[in-house]
Amino acid sequence: MFVQVIKSKTGGKTYASHLVRESYRTEKGPRHRTIANITGLPESVREMIAAALKSGCSLVDSDALGLSDALDFGGLAVLHDAWERFHLDRILGDIPDAQAKARLKAMVFGRILFPGSKLSLQTVSAGTALAASCGLERKDLREDLLYDAMDALNGNWVSIEKGLYREAMPSGAMLVLYDLTSTYFEGRSPDKMGRYGYSRDHRDDRKQVILAVATDVSGIPIHMEVLKGNRADNSTLRPLLENLKRRFGLKKAIFVFDGGMSSSLNLEQMKTEEMDYVTRLSSSTLQALIKELPQDNQPELWDRDQLVELEIDGVRYVVAGSEFRRQRDQERRSVRIAKGIDALTRMAAVSRKKVDAQKLSSQAGRRLLTLKAHKYFEYCVNSAGKLEWNLKSGVAEQESRLDGWYVLSTSITAKAAEKEFIFKCYRNLLEVESAFRQIKTYLKMRPVFHYRPDRVRNHIRICFLAYWISARLGTEWLACGETREVPLILTELQQIRIGKLRLGKKPVRTLITDIPQKIHKMLEKLKIGRLFNTPPKWAM
């Protein structure tokens, strides 16, 4: 085909017609026929058509063109790139079955983008490029095959965890943040793991396991232990120290953890191991410390915007506070007292035919304990069988003296680090706790539906891998000024789709759909636009 220009004169004027024509053969010789009249198109467009036809292109009927297999693709493209950049295929190298590794990859990607059960993965990923991004087909995501892939983690997890640590922290971790969380079971739980205990998910009616998590200062996870659901917080630290030393070779590091783990036995153990620590102590400890201070160094004289350093009996303390925490403490106390008043008023108003004074008093006490308001009230059952109560005088006023303040204890000497460094270490822990709560919500680690102990652990290990990738990407994107959660960003990027341009029934090329302006700006900000310049080979 070619563009032919035909000129004609009418009334002294010259007219040009631009026709797309093609040659064909007949019995009488070659002939030309007109395919389209493009005279009415702008000159620049006519020139483009002429150049395209000259280079060998041809025109087809628009009805013959179509886009097939259009799949959600953007977030998966970012995850596939991260998987390769972070060398996760090499880290999983001890798993000999390539198909099992590919399915593990699919479960990790699925946990980030569309978390749910293994049974649902094949269905929820149907309109996405998940299978292609892992070198699989949709039929490879059957539930039984995914369970077999999970089982491949048995016996290989220690080497995988070591590989993740070397990849993320080649120089080792000098600051280790330690936190506990929990996740509960739906239905039957493994007999040797699931226990009733303090639930951080507020599901005391479900058996649970406790997760002990160690991360670096950026929130990238180093190690995770799965413990029985009734394990006491202060009994978890010493085994973790042993694992970190044996598995990762940690010899000198600063450990930061919250008050639940800071028993005297744990702190003595850390001194014996020559490991430094920073930990927050309880409010009762702060009150005891205040009593030992002279009258000219009391909280009323401190500035909440400044750190206060104390050394008592050879132990270094840093007292920190803020106006925000002061207001928060006041509001919490007011709410608890108000709820306590309401609960006691309701109980006192109930008419009872037969009163068991001990039982009624016990009920009132348990109710106040549940509301965390017990210390503010005095109550008793009078001779007439009526519940009487009063606010304790001076308790709220005494407590308000310490509103907004909390105390940190550390083994690091003042010569080795200033008080600002101690405070910053603990602030890092608070930020990581917040990030871990968010990631646990988005990855839907809870509830757990598995019943075999090894599969419970492997389910949590897949969540750990998803958390590790999310934390690595989050660290990179934070440097670009992006503070939103990684799963939310990746889900938004899934609006970018990829499909195959079809001519009739024949696919001719793979195309990425037009990228909305808002998402295009996000790609530029995160410096990942290169991933969407051309379709990747794995998607073709």
Protein backbone atom coordinates (compact mmCIF):
# COMPACT_ATOMS: atom_id res chain seq x y z
CA MET A 1 0.00 0.00 0.00
CA PHE A 2 1.03 3.59 -0.60
CA VAL A 3 -0.30 7.14 -0.54
CA GLN A 4 -0.96 8.60 -3.99
CA VAL A 5 -1.48 12.33 -4.54
CA ILE A 6 -3.80 13.11 -7.47
CA LYS A 7 -3.98 16.74 -8.62
CA SER A 8 -6.78 18.22 -10.71
CA LYS A 9 -7.68 21.68 -11.98
CA THR A 10 -11.14 23.13 -11.81
CA GLY A 11 -12.02 26.75 -12.51
CA GLY A 12 -8.39 27.75 -12.58
CA LYS A 13 -7.72 26.22 -9.14
CA THR A 14 -5.58 23.18 -8.41
CA TYR A 15 -6.96 20.53 -6.05
CA ALA A 16 -5.00 17.64 -4.48
CA SER A 17 -6.51 14.36 -3.32
CA HIS A 18 -4.56 12.07 -0.99
CA LEU A 19 -5.55 8.45 -1.44
CA VAL A 20 -4.35 5.28 0.24
CA ARG A 21 -4.06 2.75 -2.57
CA GLU A 22 -2.89 -0.79 -3.04
CA SER A 23 -1.69 -2.82 -6.00
CA TYR A 24 -3.23 -6.13 -7.01
CA ARG A 25 -2.97 -8.47 -9.96
CA THR A 26 -5.64 -9.38 -12.47
CA GLU A 27 -5.70 -11.46 -15.66
CA LYS A 28 -5.17 -8.26 -17.60
CA GLY A 29 -2.20 -7.18 -15.51
CA PRO A 30 -1.56 -5.14 -12.32
CA ARG A 31 -4.20 -2.71 -11.17
CA HIS A 32 -4.60 -0.15 -8.32
CA ARG A 33 -7.57 0.34 -6.05
CA THR A 34 -8.37 2.96 -3.44
CA ILE A 35 -8.52 1.83 0.17
CA ALA A 36 -9.17 5.17 1.88
CA ASN A 37 -9.35 8.89 1.13
CA ILE A 38 -7.25 10.74 3.69
CA THR A 39 -7.49 14.18 2.10
CA GLY A 40 -9.44 15.58 5.04
CA LEU A 41 -6.76 14.63 7.59
CA PRO A 42 -4.16 17.15 8.81
CA GLU A 43 -1.00 17.25 6.74
CA SER A 44 1.16 15.91 9.60
CA VAL A 45 -1.11 12.87 9.93
CA ARG A 46 -1.05 12.25 6.17
CA GLU A 47 2.75 12.35 6.26
CA MET A 48 2.84 9.83 9.15
CA ILE A 49 0.55 7.46 7.23
CA ALA A 50 2.67 7.79 4.09
CA ALA A 51 5.88 7.10 6.02
CA ALA A 52 4.35 4.10 7.79
CA LEU A 53 3.13 2.56 4.54
CA LYS A 54 6.48 3.22 2.91
CA SER A 55 8.21 1.27 5.70
CA GLY A 56 6.04 -1.78 5.04
CA CYS A 57 3.07 -1.26 7.40
CA SER A 58 -0.46 -2.01 6.25
CA LEU A 59 -3.95 -0.87 7.18
CA VAL A 60 -6.57 -3.19 8.65
CA ASP A 61 -10.22 -2.89 9.52
CA SER A 62 -10.62 -1.41 13.02
CA ASP A 63 -13.20 -4.10 13.86
CA ALA A 64 -10.46 -6.72 13.51
CA LEU A 65 -8.42 -5.18 16.32
CA GLY A 66 -8.96 -6.12 19.96
CA LEU A 67 -7.22 -6.24 23.36
CA SER A 68 -7.22 -9.62 25.05
CA ASP A 69 -5.99 -10.86 28.45
CA ALA A 70 -6.03 -7.36 29.97
CA LEU A 71 -4.71 -7.98 33.51
CA ASP A 72 -4.00 -5.86 36.60
CA PHE A 73 -0.26 -5.52 36.49
CA GLY A 74 1.34 -2.42 38.09
CA GLY A 75 1.84 -3.54 41.71
CA LEU A 76 3.00 -6.98 40.58
CA ALA A 77 5.60 -5.41 38.28
CA VAL A 78 7.05 -3.53 41.27
CA LEU A 79 7.07 -6.67 43.42
CA HIS A 80 8.68 -8.77 40.65
CA ASP A 81 11.42 -6.15 40.28
CA ALA A 82 11.94 -6.08 44.07
CA TRP A 83 12.12 -9.89 44.20
CA GLU A 84 14.93 -9.84 41.62
CA ARG A 85 16.79 -6.84 43.10
CA PHE A 86 16.72 -8.37 46.59
CA HIS A 87 17.97 -11.74 45.22
CA LEU A 88 15.16 -13.73 46.78
CA ASP A 89 15.47 -16.60 44.29
CA ARG A 90 19.03 -17.08 45.52
CA ILE A 91 17.96 -16.79 49.17
CA LEU A 92 15.38 -19.55 48.60
CA GLY A 93 18.02 -21.59 46.82
CA ASP A 94 17.95 -24.47 49.31
CA ILE A 95 14.44 -25.34 48.12
CA PRO A 96 15.17 -27.69 45.18
CA ASP A 97 11.73 -27.63 43.54
CA ALA A 98 11.47 -24.64 41.18
CA GLN A 99 7.68 -24.91 41.09
CA ALA A 100 7.51 -24.79 44.90
CA LYS A 101 9.66 -21.62 44.92
CA ALA A 102 7.42 -20.04 42.28
CA ARG A 103 4.30 -20.84 44.34
CA LEU A 104 5.92 -19.41 47.48
CA LYS A 105 6.61 -16.27 45.48
CA ALA A 106 2.96 -16.17 44.42
CA MET A 107 1.77 -16.55 48.02
CA VAL A 108 4.08 -13.74 49.18
CA PHE A 109 2.86 -11.40 46.40
CA GLY A 110 -0.74 -12.41 47.12
CA ARG A 111 -0.28 -11.72 50.84
CA ILE A 112 0.72 -8.13 50.01
CA LEU A 113 -1.78 -7.31 47.27
CA PHE A 114 -4.89 -9.38 47.98
CA PRO A 115 -4.45 -11.18 51.31
CA GLY A 116 -6.75 -14.06 52.05
CA SER A 117 -6.81 -17.82 52.34
CA LYS A 118 -4.79 -20.17 50.15
CA LEU A 119 -8.09 -21.47 48.79
CA SER A 120 -9.09 -18.00 47.55
CA LEU A 121 -5.77 -17.08 45.90
CA GLN A 122 -6.58 -18.68 42.56
CA THR A 123 -9.93 -16.88 42.43
CA VAL A 124 -8.96 -13.39 43.62
CA SER A 125 -5.92 -13.30 41.33
CA ALA A 126 -7.88 -14.33 38.24
CA GLY A 127 -7.90 -10.83 36.73
CA THR A 128 -4.27 -10.11 37.55
CA ALA A 129 -0.83 -11.03 36.22
CA LEU A 130 0.08 -12.85 39.46
CA ALA A 131 0.63 -16.27 37.86
CA ALA A 132 2.67 -14.80 34.99
CA SER A 133 4.85 -12.75 37.38
CA CYS A 134 5.86 -16.01 39.08
CA GLY A 135 6.34 -18.06 35.92
CA LEU A 136 3.15 -20.04 36.56
CA GLU A 137 -0.27 -20.60 35.06
CA ARG A 138 -3.54 -20.12 36.91
CA LYS A 139 -4.01 -23.86 37.33
CA ASP A 140 -0.72 -23.93 39.29
CA LEU A 141 -2.35 -21.96 42.13
CA ARG A 142 -4.60 -24.75 43.38
CA GLU A 143 -4.90 -24.97 47.14
CA ASP A 144 -3.29 -28.41 47.46
CA LEU A 145 -0.27 -27.31 45.41
CA LEU A 146 0.13 -24.19 47.56
CA TYR A 147 0.12 -26.29 50.73
CA ASP A 148 2.83 -28.54 49.26
CA ALA A 149 4.88 -25.42 48.50
CA MET A 150 4.44 -24.18 52.08
CA ASP A 151 5.76 -27.50 53.36
CA ALA A 152 8.99 -26.86 51.43
CA LEU A 153 9.89 -24.22 54.05
CA ASN A 154 10.28 -26.98 56.66
CA GLY A 155 13.97 -27.52 57.34
CA ASN A 156 15.01 -24.57 55.15
CA TRP A 157 13.83 -21.58 57.16
CA VAL A 158 17.05 -20.98 59.13
CA SER A 159 19.12 -20.61 55.96
CA ILE A 160 16.42 -18.38 54.42
CA GLU A 161 16.38 -16.11 57.47
CA LYS A 162 20.17 -15.87 57.44
CA GLY A 163 20.07 -14.97 53.73
CA LEU A 164 17.49 -12.23 54.33
CA TYR A 165 19.66 -10.80 57.12
CA ARG A 166 22.82 -10.75 54.96
CA GLU A 167 20.94 -9.20 52.04
CA ALA A 168 19.32 -6.40 54.06
CA MET A 169 22.13 -5.77 56.56
CA PRO A 170 25.49 -6.72 55.05
CA SER A 171 27.33 -4.81 57.80
CA GLY A 172 25.22 -6.32 60.58
CA ALA A 173 22.64 -4.70 62.86
CA MET A 174 23.91 -2.38 65.58
CA LEU A 175 20.46 -1.44 66.89
CA VAL A 176 17.83 -4.17 67.39
CA LEU A 177 14.21 -3.27 68.14
CA TYR A 178 12.19 -5.98 69.88
CA ASP A 179 8.41 -6.20 69.95
CA LEU A 180 5.66 -8.72 70.68
CA THR A 181 2.36 -9.19 68.95
CA SER A 182 -0.23 -11.93 68.74
CA THR A 183 -2.47 -13.58 66.19
CA TYR A 184 -5.51 -15.74 66.92
CA PHE A 185 -7.04 -18.90 65.46
CA GLU A 186 -10.47 -19.45 63.98
CA GLY A 187 -11.83 -22.86 64.91
CA ARG A 188 -9.52 -25.61 66.06
CA SER A 189 -5.92 -24.70 66.86
CA PRO A 190 -2.79 -26.89 67.15
CA ASP A 191 -2.73 -28.43 70.63
CA LYS A 192 0.94 -27.63 71.20
CA MET A 193 0.73 -23.96 70.13
CA GLY A 194 -2.68 -22.36 70.60
CA ARG A 195 -3.29 -21.06 74.12
CA TYR A 196 -5.60 -18.55 75.76
CA GLY A 197 -3.68 -15.47 76.86
CA TYR A 198 -3.50 -11.69 76.72
CA SER A 199 -4.73 -10.83 73.23
CA ARG A 200 -3.36 -7.74 71.52
CA ASP A 201 -6.11 -8.28 68.93
CA HIS A 202 -8.77 -7.99 71.68
CA ARG A 203 -9.93 -11.55 71.03
CA ASP A 204 -9.66 -13.17 74.45
CA ASP A 205 -12.25 -15.71 73.31
CA ARG A 206 -9.83 -17.26 70.81
CA LYS A 207 -6.70 -19.31 71.27
CA GLN A 208 -3.62 -17.57 69.94
CA VAL A 209 0.13 -17.64 69.36
CA ILE A 210 2.58 -14.90 70.30
CA LEU A 211 5.00 -13.53 67.74
CA ALA A 212 8.34 -12.19 68.97
CA VAL A 213 9.77 -9.88 66.30
CA ALA A 214 13.23 -8.33 66.08
CA THR A 215 13.84 -5.58 63.50
CA ASP A 216 16.57 -3.12 62.63
CA VAL A 217 16.22 0.64 63.07
CA SER A 218 14.42 0.94 59.70
CA GLY A 219 11.81 -1.63 60.66
CA ILE A 220 13.23 -4.36 58.40
CA PRO A 221 12.60 -7.66 60.22
CA ILE A 222 15.58 -9.75 61.31
CA HIS A 223 13.97 -12.64 63.13
CA MET A 224 10.55 -13.89 64.22
CA GLU A 225 9.74 -16.49 66.85
CA VAL A 226 6.35 -18.24 67.12
CA LEU A 227 5.56 -18.88 70.80
CA LYS A 228 2.70 -20.39 72.79
CA GLY A 229 -0.19 -18.01 73.30
CA ASN A 230 0.09 -17.90 77.10
CA ARG A 231 3.82 -17.10 77.25
CA ALA A 232 4.69 -14.28 79.67
CA ASP A 233 6.24 -11.25 77.96
CA ASN A 234 9.28 -11.12 80.23
CA SER A 235 10.14 -14.78 79.48
CA THR A 236 10.59 -14.19 75.73
CA LEU A 237 13.69 -12.00 75.67
CA ARG A 238 16.43 -14.38 76.80
CA PRO A 239 15.68 -17.12 74.20
CA LEU A 240 15.57 -14.44 71.50
CA LEU A 241 19.00 -13.17 72.53
CA GLU A 242 20.41 -16.68 72.26
CA ASN A 243 18.91 -17.16 68.79
CA LEU A 244 20.18 -13.83 67.50
CA LYS A 245 23.70 -14.52 68.77
CA ARG A 246 23.81 -18.10 67.45
CA ARG A 247 22.02 -17.58 64.12
CA PHE A 248 23.22 -14.15 63.06
CA GLY A 249 26.45 -13.76 65.00
CA LEU A 250 25.29 -10.67 66.87
CA LYS A 251 27.92 -9.90 69.49
CA LYS A 252 27.62 -6.19 70.13
CA ALA A 253 24.32 -4.41 69.64
CA ILE A 254 21.87 -2.14 71.42
CA PHE A 255 18.51 -3.78 72.14
CA VAL A 256 15.42 -1.61 72.49
CA PHE A 257 12.26 -3.11 73.99
CA ASP A 258 9.15 -2.09 75.88
CA GLY A 259 8.36 -2.35 79.57
CA GLY A 260 6.75 -5.80 79.49
CA MET A 261 10.13 -7.44 78.80
CA SER A 262 12.22 -5.36 81.24
CA SER A 263 12.33 -7.69 84.23
CA SER A 264 15.37 -7.46 86.52
CA LEU A 265 16.38 -10.97 85.42
CA ASN A 266 16.37 -9.97 81.74
CA LEU A 267 18.38 -6.82 82.39
CA GLU A 268 20.95 -8.74 84.44
CA GLN A 269 21.22 -11.31 81.65
CA MET A 270 21.92 -8.56 79.12
CA LYS A 271 24.67 -7.14 81.31
CA THR A 272 26.18 -10.61 81.57
CA GLU A 273 26.05 -10.98 77.78
CA GLU A 274 27.59 -7.46 77.41
CA MET A 275 24.58 -6.32 75.39
CA ASP A 276 23.42 -2.74 75.87
CA TYR A 277 19.73 -1.97 76.20
CA VAL A 278 17.18 0.85 76.22
CA THR A 279 13.79 0.07 77.73
CA ARG A 280 10.74 1.89 79.04
CA LEU A 281 9.82 1.26 82.67
CA SER A 282 6.38 1.33 84.26
CA SER A 283 4.66 4.41 85.66
CA SER A 284 4.94 2.92 89.15
CA THR A 285 8.73 2.83 88.71
CA LEU A 286 8.65 6.49 87.70
CA GLN A 287 6.64 7.33 90.81
CA ALA A 288 9.18 5.50 92.98
CA LEU A 289 12.04 7.40 91.35
CA ILE A 290 10.29 10.74 91.90
CA LYS A 291 10.03 10.03 95.64
CA GLU A 292 13.82 9.77 95.85
CA LEU A 293 14.40 13.14 94.21
CA PRO A 294 14.88 16.35 96.24
CA GLN A 295 12.07 18.92 96.37
CA ASP A 296 13.92 21.23 94.01
CA ASN A 297 13.92 18.56 91.27
CA GLN A 298 10.26 17.52 90.99
CA PRO A 299 8.13 17.03 87.82
CA GLU A 300 6.28 20.31 88.36
CA LEU A 301 9.57 22.11 87.69
CA TRP A 302 10.45 20.16 84.53
CA ASP A 303 9.82 21.23 80.95
CA ARG A 304 8.03 18.55 78.96
CA ASP A 305 9.89 19.62 75.82
CA GLN A 306 13.22 18.80 77.48
CA LEU A 307 14.75 15.46 78.45
CA VAL A 308 15.60 14.93 82.11
CA GLU A 309 18.55 12.68 82.98
CA LEU A 310 18.81 10.93 86.35
CA GLU A 311 21.26 8.48 87.90
CA ILE A 312 20.07 6.64 90.99
CA ASP A 313 21.94 3.75 92.62
CA GLY A 314 24.26 3.51 89.61
CA VAL A 315 21.41 3.12 87.08
CA ARG A 316 20.95 5.69 84.31
CA TYR A 317 17.45 6.96 83.58
CA VAL A 318 16.14 9.36 80.94
CA VAL A 319 12.72 10.92 81.62
CA ALA A 320 10.88 12.17 78.54
CA GLY A 321 7.50 13.75 77.98
CA SER A 322 5.36 15.83 75.67
CA GLU A 323 2.29 18.02 75.73
CA PHE A 324 0.51 15.57 73.45
CA ARG A 325 1.05 12.70 75.91
CA ARG A 326 -0.10 14.92 78.81
CA GLN A 327 -3.40 15.65 77.06
CA ARG A 328 -3.76 12.00 76.10
CA ASP A 329 -3.20 10.84 79.71
CA GLN A 330 -5.75 13.36 81.00
CA GLU A 331 -8.35 12.23 78.44
CA ARG A 332 -7.77 8.54 79.21
CA ARG A 333 -8.18 9.11 82.93
CA SER A 334 -11.33 11.18 82.45
CA VAL A 335 -12.86 8.53 80.18
CA ARG A 336 -12.02 5.70 82.60
CA ILE A 337 -13.46 7.54 85.58
CA ALA A 338 -16.61 8.40 83.62
CA LYS A 339 -17.06 4.77 82.57
CA GLY A 340 -16.48 3.63 86.14
CA ILE A 341 -19.09 6.05 87.49
CA ASP A 342 -21.59 4.88 84.87
CA ALA A 343 -20.94 1.20 85.59
CA LEU A 344 -21.23 1.58 89.39
CA THR A 345 -24.36 3.74 89.06
CA ARG A 346 -26.04 1.08 86.94
CA MET A 347 -25.07 -1.71 89.33
CA ALA A 348 -26.28 0.27 92.35
CA ALA A 349 -29.64 0.96 90.67
CA VAL A 350 -30.46 -2.71 90.13
CA SER A 351 -33.17 -4.00 92.46
CA ARG A 352 -32.21 -7.36 94.02
CA LYS A 353 -34.47 -9.64 96.09
CA LYS A 354 -31.60 -11.49 97.68
CA VAL A 355 -28.19 -9.83 98.00
CA ASP A 356 -24.89 -11.66 98.33
CA ALA A 357 -22.67 -8.83 99.55
CA GLN A 358 -19.42 -10.58 98.70
CA LYS A 359 -20.58 -11.52 95.21
CA LEU A 360 -21.87 -8.00 94.45
CA SER A 361 -18.66 -6.42 95.70
CA SER A 362 -16.62 -8.85 93.60
CA GLN A 363 -18.70 -8.05 90.52
CA ALA A 364 -18.10 -4.32 91.02
CA GLY A 365 -14.36 -4.89 91.42
CA ARG A 366 -14.08 -7.02 88.29
CA ARG A 367 -16.04 -4.48 86.29
CA LEU A 368 -13.76 -1.65 87.41
CA LEU A 369 -10.67 -3.73 86.60
CA THR A 370 -12.01 -4.34 83.11
CA LEU A 371 -12.47 -0.58 82.67
CA LYS A 372 -8.97 0.09 84.13
CA ALA A 373 -10.63 2.37 86.71
CA HIS A 374 -10.32 0.32 89.91
CA LYS A 375 -7.70 2.54 91.54
CA TYR A 376 -9.95 5.61 91.40
CA PHE A 377 -12.87 4.20 93.46
CA GLU A 378 -13.84 3.01 96.92
CA TYR A 379 -16.91 0.77 97.11
CA CYS A 380 -18.76 -1.50 99.51
CA VAL A 381 -22.14 -3.12 100.07
CA ASN A 382 -24.05 -1.56 103.00
CA SER A 383 -26.24 -3.35 105.55
CA ALA A 384 -29.29 -2.79 103.35
CA GLY A 385 -27.67 -4.66 100.49
CA LYS A 386 -27.04 -1.54 98.40
CA LEU A 387 -23.81 -0.90 96.52
CA GLU A 388 -22.17 2.32 97.72
CA TRP A 389 -19.14 3.95 96.11
CA ASN A 390 -17.01 7.11 96.12
CA LEU A 391 -14.08 8.50 94.21
CA LYS A 392 -10.83 8.11 96.15
CA SER A 393 -9.57 11.52 97.16
CA GLY A 394 -6.20 12.60 95.80
CA VAL A 395 -5.56 9.64 93.49
CA ALA A 396 -6.35 11.44 90.23
CA GLU A 397 -4.57 14.61 91.44
CA GLN A 398 -1.44 12.65 92.38
CA GLU A 399 -1.45 10.82 89.07
CA SER A 400 -1.84 14.06 87.10
CA ARG A 401 1.58 15.21 88.36
CA LEU A 402 3.16 12.68 85.99
CA ASP A 403 0.84 13.18 83.03
CA GLY A 404 2.83 13.10 79.80
CA TRP A 405 6.01 11.71 81.41
CA TYR A 406 7.60 8.28 80.97
CA VAL A 407 10.95 6.91 82.05
CA LEU A 408 13.60 5.04 80.07
CA SER A 409 16.33 2.93 81.59
CA THR A 410 19.59 2.17 79.79
CA SER A 411 22.89 0.41 80.31
CA ILE A 412 24.66 2.86 77.98
CA THR A 413 26.82 5.28 79.93
CA ALA A 414 26.53 9.04 79.60
CA LYS A 415 30.06 9.10 78.20
CA ALA A 416 29.12 6.64 75.42
CA ALA A 417 25.86 8.33 74.35
CA GLU A 418 23.95 11.51 75.18
CA LYS A 419 20.40 11.41 76.48
CA GLU A 420 19.08 12.53 73.07
CA PHE A 421 20.44 9.32 71.51
CA ILE A 422 18.70 7.20 74.16
CA PHE A 423 15.41 8.95 73.47
CA LYS A 424 15.84 8.52 69.70
CA CYS A 425 16.39 4.77 70.14
CA TYR A 426 13.07 4.43 71.92
CA ARG A 427 11.28 6.64 69.40
CA ASN A 428 12.47 4.24 66.70
CA LEU A 429 10.77 1.40 68.58
CA LEU A 430 7.47 3.32 68.73
CA GLU A 431 7.60 3.96 64.99
CA VAL A 432 8.35 0.32 64.22
CA GLU A 433 5.50 -0.82 66.51
CA SER A 434 3.11 1.43 64.60
CA ALA A 435 4.39 0.20 61.24
CA PHE A 436 4.12 -3.44 62.33
CA ARG A 437 0.52 -2.98 63.50
CA GLN A 438 -0.33 -1.48 60.12
CA ILE A 439 1.44 -4.16 58.13
CA LYS A 440 -0.18 -6.92 60.22
CA THR A 441 -3.55 -5.40 59.35
CA TYR A 442 -2.86 -5.04 55.63
CA LEU A 443 -1.24 -8.47 55.27
CA LYS A 444 -4.14 -10.04 57.23
CA MET A 445 -1.86 -12.34 59.17
CA ARG A 446 -4.84 -12.92 61.44
CA PRO A 447 -6.88 -15.00 61.91
CA VAL A 448 -5.03 -18.27 61.27
CA PHE A 449 -7.02 -21.16 59.78
CA HIS A 450 -4.27 -23.81 59.74
CA TYR A 451 -4.29 -26.72 62.18
CA ARG A 452 -0.88 -28.35 61.73
CA PRO A 453 1.86 -26.67 63.81
CA ASP A 454 4.34 -26.62 60.91
CA ARG A 455 1.79 -24.98 58.60
CA VAL A 456 0.94 -22.36 61.21
CA ARG A 457 4.64 -21.50 61.36
CA ASN A 458 4.97 -21.53 57.57
CA HIS A 459 1.91 -19.30 57.17
CA ILE A 460 3.56 -16.80 59.50
CA ARG A 461 6.87 -17.19 57.65
CA ILE A 462 5.17 -16.27 54.37
CA CYS A 463 3.78 -13.20 56.13
CA PHE A 464 7.32 -12.51 57.39
CA LEU A 465 8.66 -12.59 53.80
CA ALA A 466 5.87 -10.24 52.69
CA TYR A 467 6.64 -7.95 55.63
CA TRP A 468 10.37 -8.04 54.75
CA ILE A 469 9.75 -6.98 51.13
CA SER A 470 7.28 -4.28 52.22
CA ALA A 471 9.75 -2.91 54.77
CA ARG A 472 12.58 -2.82 52.21
CA LEU A 473 10.39 -0.98 49.69
CA GLY A 474 9.08 1.32 52.42
CA THR A 475 12.65 2.30 53.36
CA GLU A 476 13.47 3.09 49.72
CA TRP A 477 10.28 5.08 49.20
CA LEU A 478 10.63 6.98 52.46
CA ALA A 479 13.84 8.44 51.02
CA CYS A 480 11.68 9.70 48.12
CA GLY A 481 9.29 11.41 50.53
CA GLU A 482 6.52 8.77 50.42
CA THR A 483 5.12 7.90 53.84
CA ARG A 484 2.04 5.85 52.95
CA GLU A 485 1.93 2.10 53.59
CA VAL A 486 3.51 -0.01 50.86
CA PRO A 487 0.51 -2.38 50.36
CA LEU A 488 -1.78 0.60 49.75
CA ILE A 489 0.56 2.07 47.12
CA LEU A 490 1.00 -1.27 45.36
CA THR A 491 -2.76 -1.83 45.29
CA GLU A 492 -3.20 1.59 43.70
CA LEU A 493 -0.57 0.76 41.08
CA GLN A 494 -2.62 -2.30 40.10
CA GLN A 495 -4.72 0.12 38.02
CA ILE A 496 -1.96 -0.16 35.41
CA ARG A 497 -2.95 -3.06 33.18
CA ILE A 498 -1.23 -5.14 30.52
CA GLY A 499 -2.82 -6.97 27.61
CA LYS A 500 -2.24 -8.44 24.16
CA LEU A 501 -3.20 -6.56 20.99
CA ARG A 502 -5.08 -9.01 18.79
CA LEU A 503 -5.60 -8.89 15.01
CA GLY A 504 -8.50 -11.18 14.37
CA LYS A 505 -7.64 -14.21 16.49
CA LYS A 506 -3.89 -13.68 16.29
CA PRO A 507 -2.04 -11.79 19.08
CA VAL A 508 0.42 -9.35 17.51
CA ARG A 509 2.02 -7.52 20.46
CA THR A 510 1.85 -6.93 24.24
CA LEU A 511 0.80 -3.45 25.39
CA ILE A 512 0.63 -1.55 28.69
CA THR A 513 -2.52 0.51 29.03
CA ASP A 514 -2.38 4.28 29.34
CA ILE A 515 -1.22 5.35 32.79
CA PRO A 516 -3.41 7.95 34.58
CA GLN A 517 -1.67 11.25 35.29
CA LYS A 518 -1.94 10.84 39.06
CA ILE A 519 -0.24 7.44 38.96
CA HIS A 520 2.35 8.70 36.48
CA LYS A 521 3.37 11.36 39.01
CA MET A 522 3.61 8.67 41.69
CA LEU A 523 5.90 6.58 39.48
CA GLU A 524 8.17 9.58 38.97
CA LYS A 525 8.24 10.31 42.70
CA LEU A 526 9.13 6.72 43.59
CA LYS A 527 11.61 6.48 40.68
CA ILE A 528 10.04 3.32 39.28
CA GLY A 529 8.75 4.65 35.95
CA ARG A 530 11.36 2.53 34.13
CA LEU A 531 9.33 -0.57 34.95
CA PHE A 532 6.50 0.62 32.70
CA ASN A 533 8.39 1.93 29.65
CA THR A 534 7.96 -1.39 27.83
CA PRO A 535 6.17 -4.63 28.73
CA PRO A 536 8.49 -6.97 30.67
CA LYS A 537 9.53 -10.28 29.11
CA TRP A 538 7.74 -12.32 31.79
CA ALA A 539 4.41 -10.75 30.79
CA MET A 540 4.70 -11.44 27.06
